[in-house]
Amino acid sequence: MASINFPSSPTDGQVFSAGDHTWVFSSVGAGGPGAWKLESQFPTGPTGPTGPTGSAGSAGATGPTGLTGPTGPTGPTGATGLVDIEDMNVQVGLQVYR
């Protein structure tokens, strides 16, 4: 069996691999010596097939109202219409001459 040379000054959470083995360093208190914990000893197999698509989630909340945009340009002047006297409130005065 080949020898394994671990890093001499590891940091907490540091990962070290040799061959098919992986270790993670865990410190043991302030200034403690720490230890390497074997995480895996078997090679990783091939990735499995993709699973089925899940159902659709619910609709999210309505977002906030956006800012008011600028006022648009003035439109063209419309055509002159006909005057309907019946629609007008007209008072007619009569003057009688003798």
PDB file of N, CA and C in Angstrom:
ATOM      1  N   MET A   1       0.837  -1.174   0.000  1.00  0.00           N
ATOM      2  CA  MET A   1       0.000   0.000   0.000  1.00  0.00           C
ATOM      3  C   MET A   1       0.882   1.237   0.000  1.00  0.00           C
ATOM      4  N   ALA A   2       0.514   2.237  -0.815  1.00  0.00           N
ATOM      5  CA  ALA A   2       1.291   3.471  -0.923  1.00  0.00           C
ATOM      6  C   ALA A   2       1.028   4.361   0.282  1.00  0.00           C
ATOM      7  N   SER A   3       2.011   5.181   0.617  1.00  0.00           N
ATOM      8  CA  SER A   3       1.826   6.099   1.740  1.00  0.00           C
ATOM      9  C   SER A   3       1.046   7.328   1.271  1.00  0.00           C
ATOM     10  N   ILE A   4       0.355   7.984   2.207  1.00  0.00           N
ATOM     11  CA  ILE A   4      -0.430   9.182   1.908  1.00  0.00           C
ATOM     12  C   ILE A   4       0.193  10.346   2.668  1.00  0.00           C
ATOM     13  N   ASN A   5       0.456  11.419   1.974  1.00  0.00           N
ATOM     14  CA  ASN A   5       1.054  12.604   2.587  1.00  0.00           C
ATOM     15  C   ASN A   5      -0.013  13.690   2.702  1.00  0.00           C
ATOM     16  N   PHE A   6      -0.618  13.806   3.878  1.00  0.00           N
ATOM     17  CA  PHE A   6      -1.625  14.837   4.120  1.00  0.00           C
ATOM     18  C   PHE A   6      -0.947  16.202   4.199  1.00  0.00           C
ATOM     19  N   PRO A   7      -1.678  17.283   3.875  1.00  0.00           N
ATOM     20  CA  PRO A   7      -1.109  18.626   4.011  1.00  0.00           C
ATOM     21  C   PRO A   7      -0.664  18.867   5.451  1.00  0.00           C
ATOM     22  N   SER A   8       0.466  19.570   5.619  1.00  0.00           N
ATOM     23  CA  SER A   8       1.029  19.763   6.956  1.00  0.00           C
ATOM     24  C   SER A   8       0.304  20.836   7.768  1.00  0.00           C
ATOM     25  N   SER A   9      -0.338  21.826   7.132  1.00  0.00           N
ATOM     26  CA  SER A   9      -1.045  22.889   7.857  1.00  0.00           C
ATOM     27  C   SER A   9      -2.445  23.063   7.273  1.00  0.00           C
ATOM     28  N   PRO A  10      -3.324  22.086   7.466  1.00  0.00           N
ATOM     29  CA  PRO A  10      -4.662  22.181   6.869  1.00  0.00           C
ATOM     30  C   PRO A  10      -5.538  23.206   7.602  1.00  0.00           C
ATOM     31  N   THR A  11      -6.549  23.682   6.885  1.00  0.00           N
ATOM     32  CA  THR A  11      -7.534  24.594   7.474  1.00  0.00           C
ATOM     33  C   THR A  11      -8.844  23.834   7.666  1.00  0.00           C
ATOM     34  N   ASP A  12      -9.683  24.331   8.555  1.00  0.00           N
ATOM     35  CA  ASP A  12     -10.947  23.663   8.855  1.00  0.00           C
ATOM     36  C   ASP A  12     -11.789  23.560   7.583  1.00  0.00           C
ATOM     37  N   GLY A  13     -12.262  22.368   7.280  1.00  0.00           N
ATOM     38  CA  GLY A  13     -13.093  22.149   6.098  1.00  0.00           C
ATOM     39  C   GLY A  13     -12.299  21.830   4.840  1.00  0.00           C
ATOM     40  N   GLN A  14     -10.970  21.847   4.920  1.00  0.00           N
ATOM     41  CA  GLN A  14     -10.154  21.554   3.741  1.00  0.00           C
ATOM     42  C   GLN A  14     -10.367  20.108   3.313  1.00  0.00           C
ATOM     43  N   VAL A  15     -10.462  19.880   1.992  1.00  0.00           N
ATOM     44  CA  VAL A  15     -10.692  18.553   1.436  1.00  0.00           C
ATOM     45  C   VAL A  15      -9.388  18.042   0.841  1.00  0.00           C
ATOM     46  N   PHE A  16      -9.104  16.766   1.066  1.00  0.00           N
ATOM     47  CA  PHE A  16      -7.901  16.128   0.525  1.00  0.00           C
ATOM     48  C   PHE A  16      -8.305  14.784  -0.062  1.00  0.00           C
ATOM     49  N   SER A  17      -7.841  14.510  -1.275  1.00  0.00           N
ATOM     50  CA  SER A  17      -8.155  13.238  -1.926  1.00  0.00           C
ATOM     51  C   SER A  17      -6.875  12.540  -2.346  1.00  0.00           C
ATOM     52  N   ALA A  18      -6.890  11.221  -2.249  1.00  0.00           N
ATOM     53  CA  ALA A  18      -5.794  10.382  -2.720  1.00  0.00           C
ATOM     54  C   ALA A  18      -6.414   9.085  -3.221  1.00  0.00           C
ATOM     55  N   GLY A  19      -6.206   8.794  -4.494  1.00  0.00           N
ATOM     56  CA  GLY A  19      -6.816   7.602  -5.077  1.00  0.00           C
ATOM     57  C   GLY A  19      -8.322   7.725  -5.063  1.00  0.00           C
ATOM     58  N   ASP A  20      -9.003   6.693  -4.536  1.00  0.00           N
ATOM     59  CA  ASP A  20     -10.469   6.697  -4.463  1.00  0.00           C
ATOM     60  C   ASP A  20     -10.976   7.151  -3.105  1.00  0.00           C
ATOM     61  N   HIS A  21     -10.121   7.791  -2.317  1.00  0.00           N
ATOM     62  CA  HIS A  21     -10.491   8.205  -0.958  1.00  0.00           C
ATOM     63  C   HIS A  21     -10.486   9.725  -0.837  1.00  0.00           C
ATOM     64  N   THR A  22     -11.420  10.253  -0.041  1.00  0.00           N
ATOM     65  CA  THR A  22     -11.513  11.685   0.202  1.00  0.00           C
ATOM     66  C   THR A  22     -11.662  11.910   1.704  1.00  0.00           C
ATOM     67  N   TRP A  23     -10.886  12.875   2.231  1.00  0.00           N
ATOM     68  CA  TRP A  23     -10.943  13.225   3.639  1.00  0.00           C
ATOM     69  C   TRP A  23     -11.251  14.705   3.771  1.00  0.00           C
ATOM     70  N   VAL A  24     -11.887  15.083   4.895  1.00  0.00           N
ATOM     71  CA  VAL A  24     -12.164  16.486   5.218  1.00  0.00           C
ATOM     72  C   VAL A  24     -11.542  16.758   6.579  1.00  0.00           C
ATOM     73  N   PHE A  25     -10.803  17.883   6.668  1.00  0.00           N
ATOM     74  CA  PHE A  25     -10.147  18.237   7.927  1.00  0.00           C
ATOM     75  C   PHE A  25     -11.123  18.968   8.836  1.00  0.00           C
ATOM     76  N   SER A  26     -11.143  18.590  10.113  1.00  0.00           N
ATOM     77  CA  SER A  26     -11.988  19.242  11.107  1.00  0.00           C
ATOM     78  C   SER A  26     -11.111  19.633  12.289  1.00  0.00           C
ATOM     79  N   SER A  27     -11.087  20.927  12.592  1.00  0.00           N
ATOM     80  CA  SER A  27     -10.284  21.373  13.740  1.00  0.00           C
ATOM     81  C   SER A  27     -10.988  20.968  15.030  1.00  0.00           C
ATOM     82  N   VAL A  28     -10.208  20.778  16.086  1.00  0.00           N
ATOM     83  CA  VAL A  28     -10.764  20.346  17.372  1.00  0.00           C
ATOM     84  C   VAL A  28     -10.537  21.465  18.380  1.00  0.00           C
ATOM     85  N   GLY A  29     -11.405  22.458  18.383  1.00  0.00           N
ATOM     86  CA  GLY A  29     -11.264  23.572  19.324  1.00  0.00           C
ATOM     87  C   GLY A  29     -10.147  24.517  18.920  1.00  0.00           C
ATOM     88  N   ALA A  30     -10.029  25.601  19.645  1.00  0.00           N
ATOM     89  CA  ALA A  30      -9.011  26.615  19.354  1.00  0.00           C
ATOM     90  C   ALA A  30      -7.626  26.049  19.598  1.00  0.00           C
ATOM     91  N   GLY A  31      -6.815  26.040  18.588  1.00  0.00           N
ATOM     92  CA  GLY A  31      -5.438  25.584  18.724  1.00  0.00           C
ATOM     93  C   GLY A  31      -5.290  24.083  18.827  1.00  0.00           C
ATOM     94  N   GLY A  32      -6.379  23.325  18.704  1.00  0.00           N
ATOM     95  CA  GLY A  32      -6.318  21.860  18.816  1.00  0.00           C
ATOM     96  C   GLY A  32      -5.632  21.258  17.608  1.00  0.00           C
ATOM     97  N   PRO A  33      -5.286  19.984  17.699  1.00  0.00           N
ATOM     98  CA  PRO A  33      -4.557  19.343  16.605  1.00  0.00           C
ATOM     99  C   PRO A  33      -5.426  19.078  15.374  1.00  0.00           C
ATOM    100  N   GLY A  34      -6.722  18.863  15.531  1.00  0.00           N
ATOM    101  CA  GLY A  34      -7.603  18.579  14.406  1.00  0.00           C
ATOM    102  C   GLY A  34      -7.474  17.147  13.940  1.00  0.00           C
ATOM    103  N   ALA A  35      -8.329  16.766  12.998  1.00  0.00           N
ATOM    104  CA  ALA A  35      -8.319  15.395  12.494  1.00  0.00           C
ATOM    105  C   ALA A  35      -8.869  15.360  11.077  1.00  0.00           C
ATOM    106  N   TRP A  36      -8.402  14.368  10.311  1.00  0.00           N
ATOM    107  CA  TRP A  36      -8.903  14.126   8.971  1.00  0.00           C
ATOM    108  C   TRP A  36      -9.981  13.050   9.057  1.00  0.00           C
ATOM    109  N   LYS A  37     -11.179  13.329   8.524  1.00  0.00           N
ATOM    110  CA  LYS A  37     -12.281  12.375   8.560  1.00  0.00           C
ATOM    111  C   LYS A  37     -12.480  11.822   7.153  1.00  0.00           C
ATOM    112  N   LEU A  38     -12.492  10.475   7.032  1.00  0.00           N
ATOM    113  CA  LEU A  38     -12.704   9.838   5.740  1.00  0.00           C
ATOM    114  C   LEU A  38     -14.150  10.067   5.310  1.00  0.00           C
ATOM    115  N   GLU A  39     -14.326  10.682   4.150  1.00  0.00           N
ATOM    116  CA  GLU A  39     -15.667  10.986   3.643  1.00  0.00           C
ATOM    117  C   GLU A  39     -16.153   9.923   2.677  1.00  0.00           C
ATOM    118  N   SER A  40     -15.283   9.419   1.831  1.00  0.00           N
ATOM    119  CA  SER A  40     -15.705   8.395   0.877  1.00  0.00           C
ATOM    120  C   SER A  40     -14.555   7.433   0.640  1.00  0.00           C
ATOM    121  N   GLN A  41     -14.903   6.210   0.388  1.00  0.00           N
ATOM    122  CA  GLN A  41     -13.866   5.232   0.104  1.00  0.00           C
ATOM    123  C   GLN A  41     -14.161   4.448  -1.160  1.00  0.00           C
ATOM    124  N   PHE A  42     -15.239   4.816  -1.845  1.00  0.00           N
ATOM    125  CA  PHE A  42     -15.594   4.133  -3.075  1.00  0.00           C
ATOM    126  C   PHE A  42     -15.649   5.152  -4.202  1.00  0.00           C
ATOM    127  N   PRO A  43     -15.297   4.744  -5.392  1.00  0.00           N
ATOM    128  CA  PRO A  43     -15.363   5.686  -6.512  1.00  0.00           C
ATOM    129  C   PRO A  43     -16.815   6.070  -6.792  1.00  0.00           C
ATOM    130  N   THR A  44     -16.993   7.268  -7.276  1.00  0.00           N
ATOM    131  CA  THR A  44     -18.331   7.748  -7.618  1.00  0.00           C
ATOM    132  C   THR A  44     -18.790   7.067  -8.898  1.00  0.00           C
ATOM    133  N   GLY A  45     -20.004   6.591  -8.904  1.00  0.00           N
ATOM    134  CA  GLY A  45     -20.566   5.929 -10.078  1.00  0.00           C
ATOM    135  C   GLY A  45     -21.043   6.947 -11.098  1.00  0.00           C
ATOM    136  N   PRO A  46     -21.547   6.449 -12.213  1.00  0.00           N
ATOM    137  CA  PRO A  46     -22.035   7.357 -13.255  1.00  0.00           C
ATOM    138  C   PRO A  46     -23.307   8.071 -12.792  1.00  0.00           C
ATOM    139  N   THR A  47     -23.559   9.200 -13.384  1.00  0.00           N
ATOM    140  CA  THR A  47     -24.767   9.969 -13.075  1.00  0.00           C
ATOM    141  C   THR A  47     -25.991   9.210 -13.568  1.00  0.00           C
ATOM    142  N   GLY A  48     -27.011   9.168 -12.751  1.00  0.00           N
ATOM    143  CA  GLY A  48     -28.241   8.471 -13.111  1.00  0.00           C
ATOM    144  C   GLY A  48     -29.074   9.274 -14.091  1.00  0.00           C
ATOM    145  N   PRO A  49     -30.150   8.660 -14.598  1.00  0.00           N
ATOM    146  CA  PRO A  49     -31.001   9.359 -15.559  1.00  0.00           C
ATOM    147  C   PRO A  49     -31.765  10.504 -14.888  1.00  0.00           C
ATOM    148  N   THR A  50     -32.150  11.476 -15.678  1.00  0.00           N
ATOM    149  CA  THR A  50     -32.925  12.606 -15.183  1.00  0.00           C
ATOM    150  C   THR A  50     -34.316  12.139 -14.785  1.00  0.00           C
ATOM    151  N   GLY A  51     -34.789  12.603 -13.649  1.00  0.00           N
ATOM    152  CA  GLY A  51     -36.117  12.237 -13.176  1.00  0.00           C
ATOM    153  C   GLY A  51     -37.202  12.984 -13.933  1.00  0.00           C
ATOM    154  N   PRO A  52     -38.452  12.609 -13.674  1.00  0.00           N
ATOM    155  CA  PRO A  52     -39.562  13.268 -14.373  1.00  0.00           C
ATOM    156  C   PRO A  52     -39.716  14.717 -13.917  1.00  0.00           C
ATOM    157  N   THR A  53     -40.283  15.523 -14.775  1.00  0.00           N
ATOM    158  CA  THR A  53     -40.538  16.928 -14.470  1.00  0.00           C
ATOM    159  C   THR A  53     -41.637  17.026 -13.422  1.00  0.00           C
ATOM    160  N   GLY A  54     -41.435  17.868 -12.446  1.00  0.00           N
ATOM    161  CA  GLY A  54     -42.430  18.064 -11.396  1.00  0.00           C
ATOM    162  C   GLY A  54     -43.596  18.901 -11.885  1.00  0.00           C
ATOM    163  N   SER A  55     -44.639  18.944 -11.070  1.00  0.00           N
ATOM    164  CA  SER A  55     -45.817  19.730 -11.446  1.00  0.00           C
ATOM    165  C   SER A  55     -45.511  21.217 -11.339  1.00  0.00           C
ATOM    166  N   ALA A  56     -46.301  22.011 -12.029  1.00  0.00           N
ATOM    167  CA  ALA A  56     -46.113  23.464 -12.030  1.00  0.00           C
ATOM    168  C   ALA A  56     -46.432  24.031 -10.653  1.00  0.00           C
ATOM    169  N   GLY A  57     -45.684  25.011 -10.261  1.00  0.00           N
ATOM    170  CA  GLY A  57     -45.921  25.670  -8.980  1.00  0.00           C
ATOM    171  C   GLY A  57     -47.064  26.663  -9.081  1.00  0.00           C
ATOM    172  N   SER A  58     -47.468  27.182  -7.950  1.00  0.00           N
ATOM    173  CA  SER A  58     -48.560  28.157  -7.936  1.00  0.00           C
ATOM    174  C   SER A  58     -48.056  29.507  -8.441  1.00  0.00           C
ATOM    175  N   ALA A  59     -48.984  30.342  -8.850  1.00  0.00           N
ATOM    176  CA  ALA A  59     -48.641  31.676  -9.355  1.00  0.00           C
ATOM    177  C   ALA A  59     -48.093  32.526  -8.221  1.00  0.00           C
ATOM    178  N   GLY A  60     -47.127  33.321  -8.535  1.00  0.00           N
ATOM    179  CA  GLY A  60     -46.534  34.206  -7.540  1.00  0.00           C
ATOM    180  C   GLY A  60     -47.413  35.413  -7.285  1.00  0.00           C
ATOM    181  N   ALA A  61     -47.052  36.178  -6.298  1.00  0.00           N
ATOM    182  CA  ALA A  61     -47.804  37.385  -5.943  1.00  0.00           C
ATOM    183  C   ALA A  61     -47.668  38.442  -7.036  1.00  0.00           C
ATOM    184  N   THR A  62     -48.658  39.298  -7.152  1.00  0.00           N
ATOM    185  CA  THR A  62     -48.623  40.398  -8.115  1.00  0.00           C
ATOM    186  C   THR A  62     -47.557  41.395  -7.697  1.00  0.00           C
ATOM    187  N   GLY A  63     -46.790  41.827  -8.637  1.00  0.00           N
ATOM    188  CA  GLY A  63     -45.720  42.785  -8.360  1.00  0.00           C
ATOM    189  C   GLY A  63     -46.278  44.187  -8.143  1.00  0.00           C
ATOM    190  N   PRO A  64     -45.433  45.102  -7.710  1.00  0.00           N
ATOM    191  CA  PRO A  64     -45.879  46.471  -7.453  1.00  0.00           C
ATOM    192  C   PRO A  64     -46.202  47.202  -8.758  1.00  0.00           C
ATOM    193  N   THR A  65     -47.047  48.214  -8.667  1.00  0.00           N
ATOM    194  CA  THR A  65     -47.394  49.031  -9.829  1.00  0.00           C
ATOM    195  C   THR A  65     -46.180  49.835 -10.256  1.00  0.00           C
ATOM    196  N   GLY A  66     -45.960  49.887 -11.540  1.00  0.00           N
ATOM    197  CA  GLY A  66     -44.812  50.624 -12.075  1.00  0.00           C
ATOM    198  C   GLY A  66     -45.035  52.127 -12.032  1.00  0.00           C
ATOM    199  N   LEU A  67     -44.000  52.855 -12.379  1.00  0.00           N
ATOM    200  CA  LEU A  67     -44.067  54.311 -12.393  1.00  0.00           C
ATOM    201  C   LEU A  67     -44.954  54.786 -13.539  1.00  0.00           C
ATOM    202  N   THR A  68     -45.552  55.979 -13.403  1.00  0.00           N
ATOM    203  CA  THR A  68     -46.367  56.571 -14.455  1.00  0.00           C
ATOM    204  C   THR A  68     -45.453  57.092 -15.547  1.00  0.00           C
ATOM    205  N   GLY A  69     -45.786  56.789 -16.766  1.00  0.00           N
ATOM    206  CA  GLY A  69     -44.969  57.230 -17.899  1.00  0.00           C
ATOM    207  C   GLY A  69     -45.218  58.691 -18.239  1.00  0.00           C
ATOM    208  N   PRO A  70     -44.430  59.239 -19.154  1.00  0.00           N
ATOM    209  CA  PRO A  70     -44.601  60.644 -19.536  1.00  0.00           C
ATOM    210  C   PRO A  70     -45.881  60.838 -20.348  1.00  0.00           C
ATOM    211  N   THR A  71     -46.387  62.061 -20.358  1.00  0.00           N
ATOM    212  CA  THR A  71     -47.576  62.402 -21.144  1.00  0.00           C
ATOM    213  C   THR A  71     -47.230  62.333 -22.626  1.00  0.00           C
ATOM    214  N   GLY A  72     -48.110  61.747 -23.390  1.00  0.00           N
ATOM    215  CA  GLY A  72     -47.873  61.611 -24.824  1.00  0.00           C
ATOM    216  C   GLY A  72     -48.101  62.924 -25.559  1.00  0.00           C
ATOM    217  N   PRO A  73     -47.769  62.984 -26.840  1.00  0.00           N
ATOM    218  CA  PRO A  73     -47.944  64.213 -27.617  1.00  0.00           C
ATOM    219  C   PRO A  73     -49.426  64.495 -27.865  1.00  0.00           C
ATOM    220  N   THR A  74     -49.756  65.770 -28.103  1.00  0.00           N
ATOM    221  CA  THR A  74     -51.128  66.179 -28.400  1.00  0.00           C
ATOM    222  C   THR A  74     -51.518  65.641 -29.771  1.00  0.00           C
ATOM    223  N   GLY A  75     -52.722  65.104 -29.857  1.00  0.00           N
ATOM    224  CA  GLY A  75     -53.196  64.561 -31.123  1.00  0.00           C
ATOM    225  C   GLY A  75     -53.636  65.660 -32.071  1.00  0.00           C
ATOM    226  N   PRO A  76     -53.954  65.288 -33.308  1.00  0.00           N
ATOM    227  CA  PRO A  76     -54.380  66.302 -34.295  1.00  0.00           C
ATOM    228  C   PRO A  76     -55.764  66.849 -33.953  1.00  0.00           C
ATOM    229  N   THR A  77     -56.044  68.051 -34.430  1.00  0.00           N
ATOM    230  CA  THR A  77     -57.346  68.686 -34.218  1.00  0.00           C
ATOM    231  C   THR A  77     -58.404  67.944 -35.023  1.00  0.00           C
ATOM    232  N   GLY A  78     -59.538  67.702 -34.396  1.00  0.00           N
ATOM    233  CA  GLY A  78     -60.615  66.984 -35.068  1.00  0.00           C
ATOM    234  C   GLY A  78     -61.389  67.871 -36.034  1.00  0.00           C
ATOM    235  N   ALA A  79     -62.223  67.251 -36.852  1.00  0.00           N
ATOM    236  CA  ALA A  79     -63.031  67.980 -37.825  1.00  0.00           C
ATOM    237  C   ALA A  79     -64.131  68.755 -37.111  1.00  0.00           C
ATOM    238  N   THR A  80     -64.588  69.827 -37.741  1.00  0.00           N
ATOM    239  CA  THR A  80     -65.666  70.636 -37.189  1.00  0.00           C
ATOM    240  C   THR A  80     -66.976  69.902 -37.431  1.00  0.00           C
ATOM    241  N   GLY A  81     -67.786  69.815 -36.391  1.00  0.00           N
ATOM    242  CA  GLY A  81     -69.052  69.099 -36.513  1.00  0.00           C
ATOM    243  C   GLY A  81     -70.208  70.045 -36.814  1.00  0.00           C
ATOM    244  N   LEU A  82     -71.410  69.464 -37.052  1.00  0.00           N
ATOM    245  CA  LEU A  82     -72.619  70.242 -37.293  1.00  0.00           C
ATOM    246  C   LEU A  82     -73.272  70.563 -35.960  1.00  0.00           C
ATOM    247  N   VAL A  83     -73.961  71.674 -35.910  1.00  0.00           N
ATOM    248  CA  VAL A  83     -74.643  72.084 -34.692  1.00  0.00           C
ATOM    249  C   VAL A  83     -76.099  71.656 -34.794  1.00  0.00           C
ATOM    250  N   ASP A  84     -76.595  70.964 -33.789  1.00  0.00           N
ATOM    251  CA  ASP A  84     -77.990  70.546 -33.737  1.00  0.00           C
ATOM    252  C   ASP A  84     -78.686  71.474 -32.767  1.00  0.00           C
ATOM    253  N   ILE A  85     -79.576  72.308 -33.305  1.00  0.00           N
ATOM    254  CA  ILE A  85     -80.241  73.319 -32.488  1.00  0.00           C
ATOM    255  C   ILE A  85     -81.067  72.694 -31.380  1.00  0.00           C
ATOM    256  N   GLU A  86     -81.632  71.540 -31.576  1.00  0.00           N
ATOM    257  CA  GLU A  86     -82.436  70.899 -30.546  1.00  0.00           C
ATOM    258  C   GLU A  86     -81.591  70.529 -29.330  1.00  0.00           C
ATOM    259  N   ASP A  87     -80.334  70.297 -29.543  1.00  0.00           N
ATOM    260  CA  ASP A  87     -79.459  69.940 -28.434  1.00  0.00           C
ATOM    261  C   ASP A  87     -78.954  71.167 -27.684  1.00  0.00           C
ATOM    262  N   MET A  88     -79.198  72.354 -28.243  1.00  0.00           N
ATOM    263  CA  MET A  88     -78.703  73.566 -27.600  1.00  0.00           C
ATOM    264  C   MET A  88     -79.769  74.128 -26.672  1.00  0.00           C
ATOM    265  N   ASN A  89     -79.352  74.713 -25.614  1.00  0.00           N
ATOM    266  CA  ASN A  89     -80.273  75.352 -24.681  1.00  0.00           C
ATOM    267  C   ASN A  89     -80.326  76.831 -25.085  1.00  0.00           C
ATOM    268  N   VAL A  90     -81.257  77.156 -26.015  1.00  0.00           N
ATOM    269  CA  VAL A  90     -81.317  78.498 -26.587  1.00  0.00           C
ATOM    270  C   VAL A  90     -82.579  79.200 -26.087  1.00  0.00           C
ATOM    271  N   GLN A  91     -82.422  80.424 -25.658  1.00  0.00           N
ATOM    272  CA  GLN A  91     -83.580  81.219 -25.266  1.00  0.00           C
ATOM    273  C   GLN A  91     -83.748  82.320 -26.303  1.00  0.00           C
ATOM    274  N   VAL A  92     -84.955  82.429 -26.771  1.00  0.00           N
ATOM    275  CA  VAL A  92     -85.232  83.430 -27.792  1.00  0.00           C
ATOM    276  C   VAL A  92     -86.121  84.509 -27.162  1.00  0.00           C
ATOM    277  N   GLY A  93     -85.735  85.750 -27.347  1.00  0.00           N
ATOM    278  CA  GLY A  93     -86.530  86.854 -26.817  1.00  0.00           C
ATOM    279  C   GLY A  93     -87.325  87.518 -27.942  1.00  0.00           C
ATOM    280  N   LEU A  94     -88.539  87.842 -27.677  1.00  0.00           N
ATOM    281  CA  LEU A  94     -89.371  88.517 -28.681  1.00  0.00           C
ATOM    282  C   LEU A  94     -89.571  89.959 -28.260  1.00  0.00           C
ATOM    283  N   GLN A  95     -89.446  90.780 -29.232  1.00  0.00           N
ATOM    284  CA  GLN A  95     -89.729  92.203 -28.999  1.00  0.00           C
ATOM    285  C   GLN A  95     -90.877  92.607 -29.931  1.00  0.00           C
ATOM    286  N   VAL A  96     -91.839  93.213 -29.350  1.00  0.00           N
ATOM    287  CA  VAL A  96     -93.008  93.598 -30.147  1.00  0.00           C
ATOM    288  C   VAL A  96     -92.925  95.097 -30.415  1.00  0.00           C
ATOM    289  N   TYR A  97     -93.043  95.492 -31.692  1.00  0.00           N
ATOM    290  CA  TYR A  97     -93.009  96.911 -32.086  1.00  0.00           C
ATOM    291  C   TYR A  97     -94.420  97.329 -32.489  1.00  0.00           C
ATOM    292  N   ARG A  98     -94.868  98.556 -32.055  1.00  0.00           N
ATOM    293  CA  ARG A  98     -96.183  99.063 -32.439  1.00  0.00           C
ATOM    294  C   ARG A  98     -96.079 100.350 -33.141  1.00  0.00           C
TER     295      ARG A  98
END
